């Protein structure tokens, strides 16, 4: 006779929740700068998981996974002109993503939330 112990394993279906979206939070122009700077999008709309730091402008990946990031920036000379881009990135835990304002460039924002940085986890790896 023997004692049989069977452990039931139920894999977690709980996915990490990671998503943020923030406006630049300035009214008017920022720049041109004498050096490259990290933009701090500090008017937070959503920051699920608190992985985006509005004080530093840095998003830090909490889990290894595939993420989607997008930014839109208003060009200062012609407020009708927007630059926009996005990317799907595979990140490791601790990888950092941010938006930089290059030397000599200017960005504009207004109450219309024209300059925005957003990102979210598509799926963990």
PDB file of N, CA and C in Angstrom:
ATOM      1  N   UNK A   1       0.839  -1.154   0.000  1.00  0.00           N
ATOM      2  CA  UNK A   1       0.000   0.000   0.000  1.00  0.00           C
ATOM      3  C   UNK A   1       0.896   1.233   0.000  1.00  0.00           C
ATOM      4  N   UNK A   2       0.486   2.304  -0.697  1.00  0.00           N
ATOM      5  CA  UNK A   2       1.242   3.548  -0.717  1.00  0.00           C
ATOM      6  C   UNK A   2       0.271   4.721  -0.798  1.00  0.00           C
ATOM      7  N   UNK A   3       0.784   5.845  -0.422  1.00  0.00           N
ATOM      8  CA  UNK A   3      -0.003   7.066  -0.434  1.00  0.00           C
ATOM      9  C   UNK A   3       0.285   7.786  -1.738  1.00  0.00           C
ATOM     10  N   UNK A   4      -0.730   8.049  -2.497  1.00  0.00           N
ATOM     11  CA  UNK A   4      -0.581   8.743  -3.775  1.00  0.00           C
ATOM     12  C   UNK A   4      -1.080  10.180  -3.612  1.00  0.00           C
ATOM     13  N   UNK A   5      -0.209  11.104  -3.908  1.00  0.00           N
ATOM     14  CA  UNK A   5      -0.576  12.519  -3.843  1.00  0.00           C
ATOM     15  C   UNK A   5      -0.478  13.065  -5.259  1.00  0.00           C
ATOM     16  N   UNK A   6      -1.567  13.593  -5.703  1.00  0.00           N
ATOM     17  CA  UNK A   6      -1.591  14.161  -7.042  1.00  0.00           C
ATOM     18  C   UNK A   6      -1.889  15.647  -6.927  1.00  0.00           C
ATOM     19  N   UNK A   7      -0.977  16.443  -7.427  1.00  0.00           N
ATOM     20  CA  UNK A   7      -1.186  17.884  -7.409  1.00  0.00           C
ATOM     21  C   UNK A   7      -1.818  18.297  -8.728  1.00  0.00           C
ATOM     22  N   UNK A   8      -2.843  19.044  -8.605  1.00  0.00           N
ATOM     23  CA  UNK A   8      -3.472  19.578  -9.801  1.00  0.00           C
ATOM     24  C   UNK A   8      -2.788  20.878 -10.162  1.00  0.00           C
ATOM     25  N   UNK A   9      -2.453  21.012 -11.413  1.00  0.00           N
ATOM     26  CA  UNK A   9      -1.787  22.222 -11.881  1.00  0.00           C
ATOM     27  C   UNK A   9      -2.724  22.943 -12.834  1.00  0.00           C
ATOM     28  N   UNK A  10      -3.039  24.145 -12.473  1.00  0.00           N
ATOM     29  CA  UNK A  10      -3.847  24.991 -13.333  1.00  0.00           C
ATOM     30  C   UNK A  10      -2.999  26.192 -13.720  1.00  0.00           C
ATOM     31  N   UNK A  11      -2.559  26.225 -14.966  1.00  0.00           N
ATOM     32  CA  UNK A  11      -1.746  27.376 -15.361  1.00  0.00           C
ATOM     33  C   UNK A  11      -2.554  28.660 -15.230  1.00  0.00           C
ATOM     34  N   UNK A  12      -1.896  29.694 -14.799  1.00  0.00           N
ATOM     35  CA  UNK A  12      -2.553  30.980 -14.615  1.00  0.00           C
ATOM     36  C   UNK A  12      -2.929  31.566 -15.973  1.00  0.00           C
ATOM     37  N   UNK A  13      -4.159  31.955 -16.087  1.00  0.00           N
ATOM     38  CA  UNK A  13      -4.597  32.618 -17.303  1.00  0.00           C
ATOM     39  C   UNK A  13      -4.563  34.133 -17.123  1.00  0.00           C
ATOM     40  N   UNK A  14      -4.137  34.546 -15.949  1.00  0.00           N
ATOM     41  CA  UNK A  14      -4.044  35.976 -15.648  1.00  0.00           C
ATOM     42  C   UNK A  14      -2.863  36.570 -16.401  1.00  0.00           C
ATOM     43  N   UNK A  15      -3.137  37.530 -17.259  1.00  0.00           N
ATOM     44  CA  UNK A  15      -2.105  38.214 -18.017  1.00  0.00           C
ATOM     45  C   UNK A  15      -1.684  39.470 -17.266  1.00  0.00           C
ATOM     46  N   UNK A  16      -0.403  39.828 -17.326  1.00  0.00           N
ATOM     47  CA  UNK A  16       0.004  41.095 -16.727  1.00  0.00           C
ATOM     48  C   UNK A  16      -0.745  42.237 -17.399  1.00  0.00           C
ATOM     49  N   UNK A  17      -1.114  43.213 -16.635  1.00  0.00           N
ATOM     50  CA  UNK A  17      -1.842  44.360 -17.165  1.00  0.00           C
ATOM     51  C   UNK A  17      -0.894  45.551 -17.241  1.00  0.00           C
ATOM     52  N   UNK A  18      -0.564  45.942 -18.462  1.00  0.00           N
ATOM     53  CA  UNK A  18       0.395  47.012 -18.685  1.00  0.00           C
ATOM     54  C   UNK A  18      -0.128  47.894 -19.822  1.00  0.00           C
ATOM     55  N   UNK A  19      -0.436  49.156 -19.510  1.00  0.00           N
ATOM     56  CA  UNK A  19      -0.874  50.107 -20.531  1.00  0.00           C
ATOM     57  C   UNK A  19      -0.733  51.515 -19.974  1.00  0.00           C
ATOM     58  N   UNK A  20      -0.300  52.437 -20.833  1.00  0.00           N
ATOM     59  CA  UNK A  20      -0.215  53.834 -20.403  1.00  0.00           C
ATOM     60  C   UNK A  20      -0.465  54.754 -21.592  1.00  0.00           C
ATOM     61  N   UNK A  21      -0.907  55.939 -21.278  1.00  0.00           N
ATOM     62  CA  UNK A  21      -1.056  56.995 -22.280  1.00  0.00           C
ATOM     63  C   UNK A  21      -0.958  58.319 -21.540  1.00  0.00           C
ATOM     64  N   UNK A  22      -0.138  59.225 -22.081  1.00  0.00           N
ATOM     65  CA  UNK A  22       0.085  60.507 -21.408  1.00  0.00           C
ATOM     66  C   UNK A  22       0.321  61.605 -22.433  1.00  0.00           C
ATOM     67  N   UNK A  23      -0.148  62.782 -22.091  1.00  0.00           N
ATOM     68  CA  UNK A  23       0.045  63.989 -22.887  1.00  0.00           C
ATOM     69  C   UNK A  23       1.288  64.710 -22.368  1.00  0.00           C
ATOM     70  N   UNK A  24       1.908  65.495 -23.223  1.00  0.00           N
ATOM     71  CA  UNK A  24       3.115  66.231 -22.829  1.00  0.00           C
ATOM     72  C   UNK A  24       2.854  67.153 -21.639  1.00  0.00           C
ATOM     73  N   UNK A  25       1.650  67.697 -21.548  1.00  0.00           N
ATOM     74  CA  UNK A  25       1.284  68.473 -20.365  1.00  0.00           C
ATOM     75  C   UNK A  25       1.841  69.877 -20.315  1.00  0.00           C
ATOM     76  N   UNK A  26       2.272  70.398 -21.446  1.00  0.00           N
ATOM     77  CA  UNK A  26       2.736  71.784 -21.483  1.00  0.00           C
ATOM     78  C   UNK A  26       1.768  72.583 -22.338  1.00  0.00           C
ATOM     79  N   UNK A  27       1.800  73.861 -22.193  1.00  0.00           N
ATOM     80  CA  UNK A  27       1.008  74.736 -23.044  1.00  0.00           C
ATOM     81  C   UNK A  27       1.975  75.659 -23.753  1.00  0.00           C
ATOM     82  N   UNK A  28       2.163  75.425 -25.040  1.00  0.00           N
ATOM     83  CA  UNK A  28       3.128  76.205 -25.796  1.00  0.00           C
ATOM     84  C   UNK A  28       4.244  75.333 -26.307  1.00  0.00           C
ATOM     85  N   UNK A  29       5.400  75.945 -26.499  1.00  0.00           N
ATOM     86  CA  UNK A  29       6.539  75.277 -27.109  1.00  0.00           C
ATOM     87  C   UNK A  29       7.551  74.803 -26.069  1.00  0.00           C
ATOM     88  N   UNK A  30       8.224  73.718 -26.405  1.00  0.00           N
ATOM     89  CA  UNK A  30       9.375  73.226 -25.652  1.00  0.00           C
ATOM     90  C   UNK A  30      10.500  73.099 -26.667  1.00  0.00           C
ATOM     91  N   UNK A  31      11.583  73.829 -26.449  1.00  0.00           N
ATOM     92  CA  UNK A  31      12.710  73.790 -27.362  1.00  0.00           C
ATOM     93  C   UNK A  31      12.824  75.100 -28.107  1.00  0.00           C
ATOM     94  N   UNK A  32      13.800  75.240 -28.985  1.00  0.00           N
ATOM     95  CA  UNK A  32      14.813  74.226 -29.252  1.00  0.00           C
ATOM     96  C   UNK A  32      15.806  74.117 -28.091  1.00  0.00           C
ATOM     97  N   UNK A  33      16.340  72.923 -27.925  1.00  0.00           N
ATOM     98  CA  UNK A  33      17.274  72.629 -26.842  1.00  0.00           C
ATOM     99  C   UNK A  33      18.705  72.607 -27.366  1.00  0.00           C
ATOM    100  N   UNK A  34      19.650  72.824 -26.469  1.00  0.00           N
ATOM    101  CA  UNK A  34      21.075  72.740 -26.824  1.00  0.00           C
ATOM    102  C   UNK A  34      21.587  71.309 -26.797  1.00  0.00           C
ATOM    103  N   UNK A  35      20.801  70.414 -26.176  1.00  0.00           N
ATOM    104  CA  UNK A  35      21.158  68.998 -26.113  1.00  0.00           C
ATOM    105  C   UNK A  35      19.896  68.167 -26.325  1.00  0.00           C
ATOM    106  N   UNK A  36      20.082  66.896 -26.608  1.00  0.00           N
ATOM    107  CA  UNK A  36      18.963  65.963 -26.707  1.00  0.00           C
ATOM    108  C   UNK A  36      18.360  65.780 -25.312  1.00  0.00           C
ATOM    109  N   UNK A  37      17.013  65.793 -25.208  1.00  0.00           N
ATOM    110  CA  UNK A  37      16.373  65.593 -23.905  1.00  0.00           C
ATOM    111  C   UNK A  37      15.316  64.501 -24.005  1.00  0.00           C
ATOM    112  N   UNK A  38      15.062  63.831 -22.879  1.00  0.00           N
ATOM    113  CA  UNK A  38      13.962  62.882 -22.776  1.00  0.00           C
ATOM    114  C   UNK A  38      12.705  63.669 -22.442  1.00  0.00           C
ATOM    115  N   UNK A  39      11.669  63.484 -23.244  1.00  0.00           N
ATOM    116  CA  UNK A  39      10.413  64.182 -22.996  1.00  0.00           C
ATOM    117  C   UNK A  39       9.657  63.529 -21.848  1.00  0.00           C
ATOM    118  N   UNK A  40       9.119  64.351 -20.972  1.00  0.00           N
ATOM    119  CA  UNK A  40       8.332  63.846 -19.844  1.00  0.00           C
ATOM    120  C   UNK A  40       6.862  64.143 -20.113  1.00  0.00           C
ATOM    121  N   UNK A  41       6.151  63.126 -20.551  1.00  0.00           N
ATOM    122  CA  UNK A  41       4.718  63.225 -20.788  1.00  0.00           C
ATOM    123  C   UNK A  41       4.041  63.048 -19.430  1.00  0.00           C
ATOM    124  N   UNK A  42       3.706  64.172 -18.800  1.00  0.00           N
ATOM    125  CA  UNK A  42       3.292  64.090 -17.389  1.00  0.00           C
ATOM    126  C   UNK A  42       1.804  64.301 -17.140  1.00  0.00           C
ATOM    127  N   UNK A  43       1.015  64.491 -18.177  1.00  0.00           N
ATOM    128  CA  UNK A  43      -0.430  64.574 -18.006  1.00  0.00           C
ATOM    129  C   UNK A  43      -0.998  63.183 -18.308  1.00  0.00           C
ATOM    130  N   UNK A  44      -1.104  62.364 -17.278  1.00  0.00           N
ATOM    131  CA  UNK A  44      -1.437  60.945 -17.423  1.00  0.00           C
ATOM    132  C   UNK A  44      -2.927  60.746 -17.687  1.00  0.00           C
ATOM    133  N   UNK A  45      -3.234  59.976 -18.733  1.00  0.00           N
ATOM    134  CA  UNK A  45      -4.609  59.545 -18.984  1.00  0.00           C
ATOM    135  C   UNK A  45      -4.830  58.165 -18.367  1.00  0.00           C
ATOM    136  N   UNK A  46      -3.866  57.275 -18.611  1.00  0.00           N
ATOM    137  CA  UNK A  46      -3.934  55.898 -18.134  1.00  0.00           C
ATOM    138  C   UNK A  46      -2.511  55.454 -17.797  1.00  0.00           C
ATOM    139  N   UNK A  47      -2.370  54.727 -16.661  1.00  0.00           N
ATOM    140  CA  UNK A  47      -1.057  54.175 -16.310  1.00  0.00           C
ATOM    141  C   UNK A  47      -1.284  52.876 -15.536  1.00  0.00           C
ATOM    142  N   UNK A  48      -1.865  51.905 -16.218  1.00  0.00           N
ATOM    143  CA  UNK A  48      -2.176  50.621 -15.596  1.00  0.00           C
ATOM    144  C   UNK A  48      -0.878  49.856 -15.378  1.00  0.00           C
ATOM    145  N   UNK A  49      -0.607  49.511 -14.153  1.00  0.00           N
ATOM    146  CA  UNK A  49       0.635  48.843 -13.784  1.00  0.00           C
ATOM    147  C   UNK A  49       1.707  49.802 -13.302  1.00  0.00           C
ATOM    148  N   UNK A  50       1.498  51.104 -13.498  1.00  0.00           N
ATOM    149  CA  UNK A  50       2.453  52.138 -13.064  1.00  0.00           C
ATOM    150  C   UNK A  50       3.869  51.900 -13.568  1.00  0.00           C
ATOM    151  N   UNK A  51       3.980  51.472 -14.821  1.00  0.00           N
ATOM    152  CA  UNK A  51       5.304  51.221 -15.397  1.00  0.00           C
ATOM    153  C   UNK A  51       5.851  52.403 -16.177  1.00  0.00           C
ATOM    154  N   UNK A  52       5.016  53.414 -16.399  1.00  0.00           N
ATOM    155  CA  UNK A  52       5.474  54.659 -17.007  1.00  0.00           C
ATOM    156  C   UNK A  52       5.673  55.677 -15.885  1.00  0.00           C
ATOM    157  N   UNK A  53       6.849  56.305 -15.868  1.00  0.00           N
ATOM    158  CA  UNK A  53       7.169  57.298 -14.842  1.00  0.00           C
ATOM    159  C   UNK A  53       7.055  58.694 -15.456  1.00  0.00           C
ATOM    160  N   UNK A  54       6.014  59.465 -15.078  1.00  0.00           N
ATOM    161  CA  UNK A  54       5.831  60.792 -15.671  1.00  0.00           C
ATOM    162  C   UNK A  54       6.886  61.813 -15.245  1.00  0.00           C
ATOM    163  N   UNK A  55       7.627  61.529 -14.199  1.00  0.00           N
ATOM    164  CA  UNK A  55       8.682  62.449 -13.759  1.00  0.00           C
ATOM    165  C   UNK A  55       9.948  62.303 -14.592  1.00  0.00           C
ATOM    166  N   UNK A  56      10.218  61.092 -15.075  1.00  0.00           N
ATOM    167  CA  UNK A  56      11.424  60.842 -15.871  1.00  0.00           C
ATOM    168  C   UNK A  56      11.128  60.664 -17.357  1.00  0.00           C
ATOM    169  N   UNK A  57       9.867  60.352 -17.700  1.00  0.00           N
ATOM    170  CA  UNK A  57       9.499  60.076 -19.084  1.00  0.00           C
ATOM    171  C   UNK A  57       9.852  58.672 -19.526  1.00  0.00           C
ATOM    172  N   UNK A  58      10.219  57.808 -18.593  1.00  0.00           N
ATOM    173  CA  UNK A  58      10.674  56.454 -18.925  1.00  0.00           C
ATOM    174  C   UNK A  58       9.599  55.409 -18.667  1.00  0.00           C
ATOM    175  N   UNK A  59       9.410  54.519 -19.635  1.00  0.00           N
ATOM    176  CA  UNK A  59       8.604  53.317 -19.442  1.00  0.00           C
ATOM    177  C   UNK A  59       9.586  52.186 -19.205  1.00  0.00           C
ATOM    178  N   UNK A  60       9.367  51.403 -18.141  1.00  0.00           N
ATOM    179  CA  UNK A  60      10.227  50.264 -17.827  1.00  0.00           C
ATOM    180  C   UNK A  60       9.408  48.987 -17.928  1.00  0.00           C
ATOM    181  N   UNK A  61       9.859  48.058 -18.767  1.00  0.00           N
ATOM    182  CA  UNK A  61       9.123  46.810 -18.993  1.00  0.00           C
ATOM    183  C   UNK A  61       9.115  45.960 -17.725  1.00  0.00           C
ATOM    184  N   UNK A  62       7.920  45.608 -17.226  1.00  0.00           N
ATOM    185  CA  UNK A  62       7.841  44.789 -16.025  1.00  0.00           C
ATOM    186  C   UNK A  62       7.976  43.293 -16.305  1.00  0.00           C
ATOM    187  N   UNK A  63       7.696  42.881 -17.549  1.00  0.00           N
ATOM    188  CA  UNK A  63       7.786  41.473 -17.937  1.00  0.00           C
ATOM    189  C   UNK A  63       8.385  41.378 -19.333  1.00  0.00           C
ATOM    190  N   UNK A  64       8.999  40.237 -19.613  1.00  0.00           N
ATOM    191  CA  UNK A  64       9.470  39.972 -20.966  1.00  0.00           C
ATOM    192  C   UNK A  64       8.233  39.821 -21.840  1.00  0.00           C
ATOM    193  N   UNK A  65       8.228  40.507 -22.978  1.00  0.00           N
ATOM    194  CA  UNK A  65       7.060  40.408 -23.828  1.00  0.00           C
ATOM    195  C   UNK A  65       7.157  41.254 -25.072  1.00  0.00           C
ATOM    196  N   UNK A  66       6.057  41.275 -25.795  1.00  0.00           N
ATOM    197  CA  UNK A  66       5.931  42.077 -27.013  1.00  0.00           C
ATOM    198  C   UNK A  66       5.023  43.253 -26.676  1.00  0.00           C
ATOM    199  N   UNK A  67       5.518  44.449 -26.959  1.00  0.00           N
ATOM    200  CA  UNK A  67       4.835  45.689 -26.598  1.00  0.00           C
ATOM    201  C   UNK A  67       4.597  46.533 -27.840  1.00  0.00           C
ATOM    202  N   UNK A  68       3.585  47.382 -27.769  1.00  0.00           N
ATOM    203  CA  UNK A  68       3.317  48.354 -28.830  1.00  0.00           C
ATOM    204  C   UNK A  68       3.442  49.754 -28.237  1.00  0.00           C
ATOM    205  N   UNK A  69       4.194  50.623 -28.928  1.00  0.00           N
ATOM    206  CA  UNK A  69       4.374  52.017 -28.504  1.00  0.00           C
ATOM    207  C   UNK A  69       4.009  52.936 -29.648  1.00  0.00           C
ATOM    208  N   UNK A  70       3.477  54.097 -29.287  1.00  0.00           N
ATOM    209  CA  UNK A  70       3.083  55.092 -30.273  1.00  0.00           C
ATOM    210  C   UNK A  70       3.294  56.486 -29.691  1.00  0.00           C
ATOM    211  N   UNK A  71       3.707  57.423 -30.557  1.00  0.00           N
ATOM    212  CA  UNK A  71       3.769  58.815 -30.129  1.00  0.00           C
ATOM    213  C   UNK A  71       3.249  59.698 -31.249  1.00  0.00           C
ATOM    214  N   UNK A  72       2.705  60.814 -30.860  1.00  0.00           N
ATOM    215  CA  UNK A  72       2.280  61.855 -31.794  1.00  0.00           C
ATOM    216  C   UNK A  72       2.831  63.163 -31.257  1.00  0.00           C
ATOM    217  N   UNK A  73       3.402  63.961 -32.128  1.00  0.00           N
ATOM    218  CA  UNK A  73       3.992  65.234 -31.720  1.00  0.00           C
ATOM    219  C   UNK A  73       3.508  66.339 -32.645  1.00  0.00           C
ATOM    220  N   UNK A  74       3.192  67.469 -32.055  1.00  0.00           N
ATOM    221  CA  UNK A  74       2.765  68.633 -32.825  1.00  0.00           C
ATOM    222  C   UNK A  74       3.996  69.469 -33.171  1.00  0.00           C
ATOM    223  N   UNK A  75       4.123  69.780 -34.441  1.00  0.00           N
ATOM    224  CA  UNK A  75       5.234  70.606 -34.908  1.00  0.00           C
ATOM    225  C   UNK A  75       4.932  72.056 -34.567  1.00  0.00           C
ATOM    226  N   UNK A  76       5.918  72.756 -34.063  1.00  0.00           N
ATOM    227  CA  UNK A  76       5.692  74.083 -33.489  1.00  0.00           C
ATOM    228  C   UNK A  76       5.383  75.180 -34.502  1.00  0.00           C
ATOM    229  N   UNK A  77       5.975  75.147 -35.676  1.00  0.00           N
ATOM    230  CA  UNK A  77       5.771  76.230 -36.632  1.00  0.00           C
ATOM    231  C   UNK A  77       4.372  76.208 -37.247  1.00  0.00           C
ATOM    232  N   UNK A  78       3.855  75.012 -37.448  1.00  0.00           N
ATOM    233  CA  UNK A  78       2.553  74.860 -38.078  1.00  0.00           C
ATOM    234  C   UNK A  78       1.726  73.912 -37.223  1.00  0.00           C
ATOM    235  N   UNK A  79       0.908  74.443 -36.366  1.00  0.00           N
ATOM    236  CA  UNK A  79       0.182  73.621 -35.404  1.00  0.00           C
ATOM    237  C   UNK A  79      -0.820  72.665 -36.049  1.00  0.00           C
ATOM    238  N   UNK A  80      -0.949  72.724 -37.351  1.00  0.00           N
ATOM    239  CA  UNK A  80      -1.785  71.776 -38.089  1.00  0.00           C
ATOM    240  C   UNK A  80      -0.980  70.531 -38.473  1.00  0.00           C
ATOM    241  N   UNK A  81       0.329  70.570 -38.304  1.00  0.00           N
ATOM    242  CA  UNK A  81       1.214  69.498 -38.729  1.00  0.00           C
ATOM    243  C   UNK A  81       1.564  68.590 -37.555  1.00  0.00           C
ATOM    244  N   UNK A  82       1.273  67.288 -37.708  1.00  0.00           N
ATOM    245  CA  UNK A  82       1.606  66.308 -36.667  1.00  0.00           C
ATOM    246  C   UNK A  82       2.576  65.281 -37.217  1.00  0.00           C
ATOM    247  N   UNK A  83       3.496  64.860 -36.363  1.00  0.00           N
ATOM    248  CA  UNK A  83       4.366  63.728 -36.672  1.00  0.00           C
ATOM    249  C   UNK A  83       3.896  62.580 -35.787  1.00  0.00           C
ATOM    250  N   UNK A  84       3.816  61.389 -36.357  1.00  0.00           N
ATOM    251  CA  UNK A  84       3.321  60.250 -35.602  1.00  0.00           C
ATOM    252  C   UNK A  84       4.083  59.003 -36.015  1.00  0.00           C
ATOM    253  N   UNK A  85       4.318  58.112 -35.061  1.00  0.00           N
ATOM    254  CA  UNK A  85       5.018  56.879 -35.361  1.00  0.00           C
ATOM    255  C   UNK A  85       4.671  55.842 -34.312  1.00  0.00           C
ATOM    256  N   UNK A  86       4.871  54.590 -34.643  1.00  0.00           N
ATOM    257  CA  UNK A  86       4.614  53.503 -33.716  1.00  0.00           C
ATOM    258  C   UNK A  86       5.535  52.343 -34.031  1.00  0.00           C
ATOM    259  N   UNK A  87       5.667  51.457 -33.051  1.00  0.00           N
ATOM    260  CA  UNK A  87       6.535  50.291 -33.240  1.00  0.00           C
ATOM    261  C   UNK A  87       6.112  49.165 -32.311  1.00  0.00           C
ATOM    262  N   UNK A  88       6.311  47.938 -32.772  1.00  0.00           N
ATOM    263  CA  UNK A  88       6.150  46.745 -31.949  1.00  0.00           C
ATOM    264  C   UNK A  88       7.550  46.307 -31.560  1.00  0.00           C
ATOM    265  N   UNK A  89       7.796  46.199 -30.249  1.00  0.00           N
ATOM    266  CA  UNK A  89       9.128  45.867 -29.745  1.00  0.00           C
ATOM    267  C   UNK A  89       9.071  44.659 -28.816  1.00  0.00           C
ATOM    268  N   UNK A  90      10.075  43.794 -28.935  1.00  0.00           N
ATOM    269  CA  UNK A  90      10.230  42.706 -27.973  1.00  0.00           C
ATOM    270  C   UNK A  90      11.177  43.194 -26.886  1.00  0.00           C
ATOM    271  N   UNK A  91      10.686  43.244 -25.645  1.00  0.00           N
ATOM    272  CA  UNK A  91      11.474  43.769 -24.534  1.00  0.00           C
ATOM    273  C   UNK A  91      11.737  42.697 -23.486  1.00  0.00           C
ATOM    274  N   UNK A  92      12.844  42.875 -22.803  1.00  0.00           N
ATOM    275  CA  UNK A  92      13.184  42.063 -21.639  1.00  0.00           C
ATOM    276  C   UNK A  92      12.773  42.821 -20.386  1.00  0.00           C
ATOM    277  N   UNK A  93      12.673  42.129 -19.268  1.00  0.00           N
ATOM    278  CA  UNK A  93      12.370  42.787 -18.000  1.00  0.00           C
ATOM    279  C   UNK A  93      13.419  43.862 -17.745  1.00  0.00           C
ATOM    280  N   UNK A  94      12.965  45.086 -17.452  1.00  0.00           N
ATOM    281  CA  UNK A  94      13.876  46.181 -17.146  1.00  0.00           C
ATOM    282  C   UNK A  94      14.270  47.038 -18.333  1.00  0.00           C
ATOM    283  N   UNK A  95      13.941  46.610 -19.553  1.00  0.00           N
ATOM    284  CA  UNK A  95      14.228  47.456 -20.716  1.00  0.00           C
ATOM    285  C   UNK A  95      13.438  48.759 -20.601  1.00  0.00           C
ATOM    286  N   UNK A  96      14.021  49.842 -21.115  1.00  0.00           N
ATOM    287  CA  UNK A  96      13.425  51.166 -20.985  1.00  0.00           C
ATOM    288  C   UNK A  96      13.117  51.738 -22.364  1.00  0.00           C
ATOM    289  N   UNK A  97      11.945  52.381 -22.478  1.00  0.00           N
ATOM    290  CA  UNK A  97      11.532  53.040 -23.712  1.00  0.00           C
ATOM    291  C   UNK A  97      11.140  54.474 -23.369  1.00  0.00           C
ATOM    292  N   UNK A  98      11.565  55.414 -24.219  1.00  0.00           N
ATOM    293  CA  UNK A  98      11.219  56.816 -24.007  1.00  0.00           C
ATOM    294  C   UNK A  98      11.188  57.533 -25.351  1.00  0.00           C
ATOM    295  N   UNK A  99      10.757  58.786 -25.321  1.00  0.00           N
ATOM    296  CA  UNK A  99      10.749  59.637 -26.515  1.00  0.00           C
ATOM    297  C   UNK A  99      11.741  60.765 -26.274  1.00  0.00           C
ATOM    298  N   UNK A 100      12.619  60.998 -27.231  1.00  0.00           N
ATOM    299  CA  UNK A 100      13.645  62.041 -27.103  1.00  0.00           C
ATOM    300  C   UNK A 100      13.344  63.199 -28.048  1.00  0.00           C
ATOM    301  N   UNK A 101      13.614  64.399 -27.575  1.00  0.00           N
ATOM    302  CA  UNK A 101      13.576  65.591 -28.418  1.00  0.00           C
ATOM    303  C   UNK A 101      15.015  65.867 -28.834  1.00  0.00           C
ATOM    304  N   UNK A 102      15.257  65.829 -30.130  1.00  0.00           N
ATOM    305  CA  UNK A 102      16.617  65.976 -30.636  1.00  0.00           C
ATOM    306  C   UNK A 102      17.096  67.417 -30.573  1.00  0.00           C
ATOM    307  N   UNK A 103      18.394  67.549 -30.556  1.00  0.00           N
ATOM    308  CA  UNK A 103      19.075  68.845 -30.554  1.00  0.00           C
ATOM    309  C   UNK A 103      18.500  69.746 -31.644  1.00  0.00           C
ATOM    310  N   UNK A 104      18.105  70.955 -31.267  1.00  0.00           N
ATOM    311  CA  UNK A 104      17.636  71.937 -32.237  1.00  0.00           C
ATOM    312  C   UNK A 104      16.168  71.845 -32.608  1.00  0.00           C
ATOM    313  N   UNK A 105      15.451  70.834 -32.125  1.00  0.00           N
ATOM    314  CA  UNK A 105      14.043  70.683 -32.470  1.00  0.00           C
ATOM    315  C   UNK A 105      13.143  71.275 -31.386  1.00  0.00           C
ATOM    316  N   UNK A 106      11.907  71.571 -31.768  1.00  0.00           N
ATOM    317  CA  UNK A 106      10.910  72.129 -30.864  1.00  0.00           C
ATOM    318  C   UNK A 106       9.636  71.307 -30.985  1.00  0.00           C
ATOM    319  N   UNK A 107       8.946  71.116 -29.863  1.00  0.00           N
ATOM    320  CA  UNK A 107       7.664  70.417 -29.844  1.00  0.00           C
ATOM    321  C   UNK A 107       6.641  71.347 -29.208  1.00  0.00           C
ATOM    322  N   UNK A 108       5.393  71.201 -29.608  1.00  0.00           N
ATOM    323  CA  UNK A 108       4.321  72.047 -29.101  1.00  0.00           C
ATOM    324  C   UNK A 108       3.220  71.187 -28.519  1.00  0.00           C
ATOM    325  N   UNK A 109       2.533  71.733 -27.516  1.00  0.00           N
ATOM    326  CA  UNK A 109       1.357  71.066 -26.974  1.00  0.00           C
ATOM    327  C   UNK A 109       0.337  72.132 -26.612  1.00  0.00           C
ATOM    328  N   UNK A 110      -0.881  71.706 -26.419  1.00  0.00           N
ATOM    329  CA  UNK A 110      -1.964  72.632 -26.114  1.00  0.00           C
ATOM    330  C   UNK A 110      -3.025  71.888 -25.321  1.00  0.00           C
ATOM    331  N   UNK A 111      -4.085  72.562 -24.905  1.00  0.00           N
ATOM    332  CA  UNK A 111      -5.169  71.859 -24.213  1.00  0.00           C
ATOM    333  C   UNK A 111      -5.826  70.774 -25.070  1.00  0.00           C
ATOM    334  N   UNK A 112      -5.521  70.755 -26.365  1.00  0.00           N
ATOM    335  CA  UNK A 112      -6.082  69.731 -27.257  1.00  0.00           C
ATOM    336  C   UNK A 112      -5.324  68.405 -27.188  1.00  0.00           C
ATOM    337  N   UNK A 113      -4.311  68.316 -26.344  1.00  0.00           N
ATOM    338  CA  UNK A 113      -3.532  67.083 -26.162  1.00  0.00           C
ATOM    339  C   UNK A 113      -2.930  66.605 -27.493  1.00  0.00           C
ATOM    340  N   UNK A 114      -2.152  67.460 -28.114  1.00  0.00           N
ATOM    341  CA  UNK A 114      -1.611  67.162 -29.432  1.00  0.00           C
ATOM    342  C   UNK A 114      -0.368  66.290 -29.407  1.00  0.00           C
ATOM    343  N   UNK A 115       0.371  66.278 -28.307  1.00  0.00           N
ATOM    344  CA  UNK A 115       1.612  65.504 -28.225  1.00  0.00           C
ATOM    345  C   UNK A 115       1.446  64.429 -27.161  1.00  0.00           C
ATOM    346  N   UNK A 116       1.374  63.164 -27.607  1.00  0.00           N
ATOM    347  CA  UNK A 116       1.009  62.042 -26.732  1.00  0.00           C
ATOM    348  C   UNK A 116       1.985  60.885 -26.923  1.00  0.00           C
ATOM    349  N   UNK A 117       2.267  60.175 -25.821  1.00  0.00           N
ATOM    350  CA  UNK A 117       3.082  58.953 -25.826  1.00  0.00           C
ATOM    351  C   UNK A 117       2.249  57.863 -25.164  1.00  0.00           C
ATOM    352  N   UNK A 118       2.117  56.718 -25.835  1.00  0.00           N
ATOM    353  CA  UNK A 118       1.303  55.615 -25.329  1.00  0.00           C
ATOM    354  C   UNK A 118       1.997  54.289 -25.576  1.00  0.00           C
ATOM    355  N   UNK A 119       1.657  53.297 -24.769  1.00  0.00           N
ATOM    356  CA  UNK A 119       2.181  51.961 -24.979  1.00  0.00           C
ATOM    357  C   UNK A 119       1.395  50.930 -24.197  1.00  0.00           C
ATOM    358  N   UNK A 120       1.488  49.681 -24.655  1.00  0.00           N
ATOM    359  CA  UNK A 120       0.829  48.597 -23.921  1.00  0.00           C
ATOM    360  C   UNK A 120       1.485  47.263 -24.266  1.00  0.00           C
ATOM    361  N   UNK A 121       1.300  46.311 -23.368  1.00  0.00           N
ATOM    362  CA  UNK A 121       1.795  44.948 -23.548  1.00  0.00           C
ATOM    363  C   UNK A 121       0.825  44.212 -24.467  1.00  0.00           C
ATOM    364  N   UNK A 122       1.318  43.667 -25.566  1.00  0.00           N
ATOM    365  CA  UNK A 122       0.477  42.848 -26.442  1.00  0.00           C
ATOM    366  C   UNK A 122       0.337  41.466 -25.821  1.00  0.00           C
ATOM    367  N   UNK A 123       1.501  40.838 -25.514  1.00  0.00           N
ATOM    368  CA  UNK A 123       1.471  39.554 -24.811  1.00  0.00           C
ATOM    369  C   UNK A 123       2.837  39.283 -24.189  1.00  0.00           C
ATOM    370  N   UNK A 124       2.837  38.594 -23.049  1.00  0.00           N
ATOM    371  CA  UNK A 124       4.122  38.230 -22.424  1.00  0.00           C
ATOM    372  C   UNK A 124       4.742  37.043 -23.141  1.00  0.00           C
ATOM    373  N   UNK A 125       6.066  36.914 -23.006  1.00  0.00           N
ATOM    374  CA  UNK A 125       6.783  35.777 -23.608  1.00  0.00           C
ATOM    375  C   UNK A 125       7.311  34.862 -22.513  1.00  0.00           C
TER     376      UNK A 125
END
